[in-house]
Protein backbone atom coordinates (compact mmCIF):
# COMPACT_ATOMS: atom_id res chain seq x y z
CA UNK A 1 -3.06 15.98 -13.82
CA UNK A 2 -5.30 16.02 -10.72
CA UNK A 3 -3.72 15.78 -7.26
CA UNK A 4 -4.01 12.53 -5.33
CA UNK A 5 -6.90 12.56 -2.89
CA UNK A 6 -8.66 10.14 -0.59
CA UNK A 7 -12.30 9.17 -0.32
CA UNK A 8 -14.11 11.34 2.23
CA UNK A 9 -17.25 9.19 2.45
CA UNK A 10 -18.33 5.65 1.54
CA UNK A 11 -20.08 7.07 -1.52
CA UNK A 12 -16.71 8.23 -2.92
CA UNK A 13 -15.13 4.77 -2.80
CA UNK A 14 -15.28 3.24 -6.29
CA UNK A 15 -18.01 0.62 -6.56
CA UNK A 16 -17.37 -3.03 -7.39
CA UNK A 17 -18.51 -2.53 -11.01
CA UNK A 18 -15.96 0.26 -11.53
CA UNK A 19 -13.16 -1.80 -10.02
CA UNK A 20 -14.10 -4.96 -11.93
CA UNK A 21 -14.21 -3.02 -15.21
CA UNK A 22 -10.52 -2.10 -14.98
CA UNK A 23 -7.32 -4.05 -14.77
CA UNK A 24 -5.74 -3.84 -11.34
CA UNK A 25 -2.87 -1.80 -12.75
CA UNK A 26 -5.28 0.72 -14.33
CA UNK A 27 -7.12 1.02 -11.01
CA UNK A 28 -3.93 1.66 -9.01
CA UNK A 29 -2.64 4.10 -11.67
CA UNK A 30 -5.95 6.01 -11.43
CA UNK A 31 -5.43 6.39 -7.68
CA UNK A 32 -1.81 7.47 -8.21
CA UNK A 33 -2.86 9.97 -10.88
CA UNK A 34 -5.75 11.39 -8.83
CA UNK A 35 -8.59 10.35 -11.15
CA UNK A 36 -9.92 7.94 -8.49
CA UNK A 37 -9.75 8.51 -4.73
CA UNK A 38 -7.33 6.55 -2.59
CA UNK A 39 -8.07 4.83 0.68
CA UNK A 40 -8.82 7.16 3.62
CA UNK A 41 -6.23 5.34 5.75
CA UNK A 42 -3.45 6.89 3.63
CA UNK A 43 -4.33 10.35 4.91
CA UNK A 44 -4.69 9.19 8.51
CA UNK A 45 -1.27 7.51 8.38
CA UNK A 46 0.43 10.24 6.28
CA UNK A 47 1.55 8.27 3.23
CA UNK A 48 0.67 8.21 -0.44
CA UNK A 49 1.14 6.13 -3.55
CA UNK A 50 4.34 7.27 -5.24
CA UNK A 51 4.93 4.80 -8.11
CA UNK A 52 3.04 1.97 -9.76
CA UNK A 53 4.04 -0.50 -12.46
CA UNK A 54 2.89 -4.04 -13.10
CA UNK A 55 3.93 -6.12 -10.10
CA UNK A 56 5.49 -3.28 -8.12
CA UNK A 57 4.40 -0.18 -6.20
CA UNK A 58 6.06 2.34 -3.91
CA UNK A 59 4.44 4.41 -1.19
CA UNK A 60 6.16 7.36 0.48
CA UNK A 61 5.36 8.95 3.78
CA UNK A 62 6.48 9.73 7.27
CA UNK A 63 5.09 8.82 10.64
CA UNK A 64 4.10 11.77 12.80
CA UNK A 65 3.95 12.27 16.55
CA UNK A 66 0.29 11.16 16.48
CA UNK A 67 1.54 7.73 15.30
CA UNK A 68 3.68 7.27 18.42
CA UNK A 69 3.41 4.51 20.98
CA UNK A 70 3.31 5.28 24.73
CA UNK A 71 7.12 5.21 24.86
CA UNK A 72 7.47 7.89 22.16
CA UNK A 73 8.54 5.63 19.29
CA UNK A 74 6.64 5.09 16.06
CA UNK A 75 3.90 2.54 16.74
CA UNK A 76 4.37 -0.82 15.02
CA UNK A 77 0.91 -0.38 13.50
CA UNK A 78 2.24 2.44 11.33
CA UNK A 79 4.88 0.14 9.81
CA UNK A 80 2.24 -2.57 9.37
CA UNK A 81 -0.23 -0.25 7.70
CA UNK A 82 2.13 1.13 5.06
CA UNK A 83 3.47 -2.40 4.41
CA UNK A 84 -0.03 -3.90 4.07
CA UNK A 85 -1.09 -1.05 1.77
CA UNK A 86 1.93 -1.39 -0.52
CA UNK A 87 1.82 -5.19 -0.55
CA UNK A 88 -1.88 -5.27 -1.44
CA UNK A 89 -1.55 -2.62 -4.12
CA UNK A 90 1.39 -4.48 -5.69
CA UNK A 91 -0.82 -7.56 -5.91
CA UNK A 92 -3.63 -5.45 -7.36
CA UNK A 93 -1.37 -4.37 -10.25
CA UNK A 94 -1.24 -7.92 -11.61
CA UNK A 95 -5.01 -8.51 -11.59
CA UNK A 96 -6.99 -8.88 -14.79
CA UNK A 97 -10.32 -7.16 -15.36
CA UNK A 98 -13.00 -8.78 -13.24
CA UNK A 99 -10.67 -9.88 -10.44
CA UNK A 100 -10.31 -8.61 -6.88
CA UNK A 101 -8.05 -9.60 -4.00
CA UNK A 102 -7.93 -9.55 -0.24
CA UNK A 103 -5.14 -10.21 2.23
CA UNK A 104 -5.04 -13.71 3.70
CA UNK A 105 -2.06 -12.98 5.95
CA UNK A 106 0.87 -10.64 6.26
CA UNK A 107 4.04 -10.55 8.30
CA UNK A 108 6.03 -7.57 9.52
CA UNK A 109 9.67 -7.51 10.65
CA UNK A 110 10.77 -4.30 12.35
CA UNK A 111 14.52 -3.96 11.90
CA UNK A 112 15.22 -0.45 13.16
CA UNK A 113 13.42 2.25 15.16
CA UNK A 114 11.86 4.92 12.99
CA UNK A 115 11.67 8.48 14.30
CA UNK A 116 8.65 10.65 13.50
CA UNK A 117 9.28 12.90 10.51
CA UNK A 118 11.70 10.58 8.68
CA UNK A 119 10.58 10.22 5.05
CA UNK A 120 10.49 6.56 4.01
CA UNK A 121 9.67 4.61 0.90
CA UNK A 122 7.83 1.32 1.13
CA UNK A 123 8.46 -0.64 -2.07
CA UNK A 124 6.51 -3.85 -2.67
CA UNK A 125 7.03 -6.47 -5.38
CA UNK A 126 4.96 -9.46 -6.40
CA UNK A 127 6.91 -12.73 -6.26
CA UNK A 128 4.10 -15.01 -7.45
CA UNK A 129 0.65 -14.45 -8.91
CA UNK A 130 -1.35 -17.55 -9.72
CA UNK A 131 -4.97 -18.32 -10.41
CA UNK A 132 -6.10 -18.02 -6.79
CA UNK A 133 -3.22 -16.65 -4.69
CA UNK A 134 -0.45 -14.09 -4.89
CA UNK A 135 2.65 -13.57 -2.75
CA UNK A 136 4.53 -10.28 -2.37
CA UNK A 137 7.34 -8.80 -0.29
CA UNK A 138 8.16 -5.23 0.72
CA UNK A 139 10.85 -3.13 2.35
CA UNK A 140 10.59 0.19 4.17
CA UNK A 141 13.74 2.22 3.46
CA UNK A 142 14.73 5.73 4.51
CA UNK A 143 14.66 8.05 1.48
CA UNK A 144 17.64 10.09 2.70
CA UNK A 145 19.65 7.57 4.74
CA UNK A 146 18.97 4.40 2.70
CA UNK A 147 18.55 2.36 5.90
CA UNK A 148 16.07 -0.52 6.07
CA UNK A 149 13.49 0.08 8.81
CA UNK A 150 11.20 -2.89 8.21
CA UNK A 151 10.34 -5.69 5.83
CA UNK A 152 7.11 -7.51 5.22
CA UNK A 153 5.43 -10.18 3.15
CA UNK A 154 1.89 -11.15 2.27
CA UNK A 155 -0.25 -13.87 0.79
CA UNK A 156 -3.42 -12.66 -0.90
CA UNK A 157 -6.38 -14.54 -2.30
CA UNK A 158 -7.49 -13.65 -5.83
CA UNK A 159 -11.21 -13.87 -6.62
CA UNK A 160 -13.52 -13.13 -9.50
CA UNK A 161 -15.64 -10.03 -8.82
């Protein structure tokens, strides 16, 4: 099985026809399995897709020093980015062929300070997927300590490609 990788140029990002020709779950599985490139932001933020099933995904990663805020803590944008990525990909897994989604809004609740280097899992689950919208929630949990570091939720719009 190929290793996961990210797109290195706009030309490597799958085109709309490729995406529309697959179910959302097949698309996310292809990223997980390394047959399609993932989003470049995953490399920048040091996380990767770990698991994918219909209605649920998990990302794993750890913030690094370069993700710190001016006070030395992990920047809230790191939490938001892994949450938004997991939430959106969870929604993608319930899409039929010919459908796409985009985030309408998302909310982040930081519950505990995260130190750089701590491996976390961000698990997202779809609560509702209708004809035109989907709602999902996610939790960032320490892999070793089991502590909850943040939670998040999203509403996405579902569109025909």
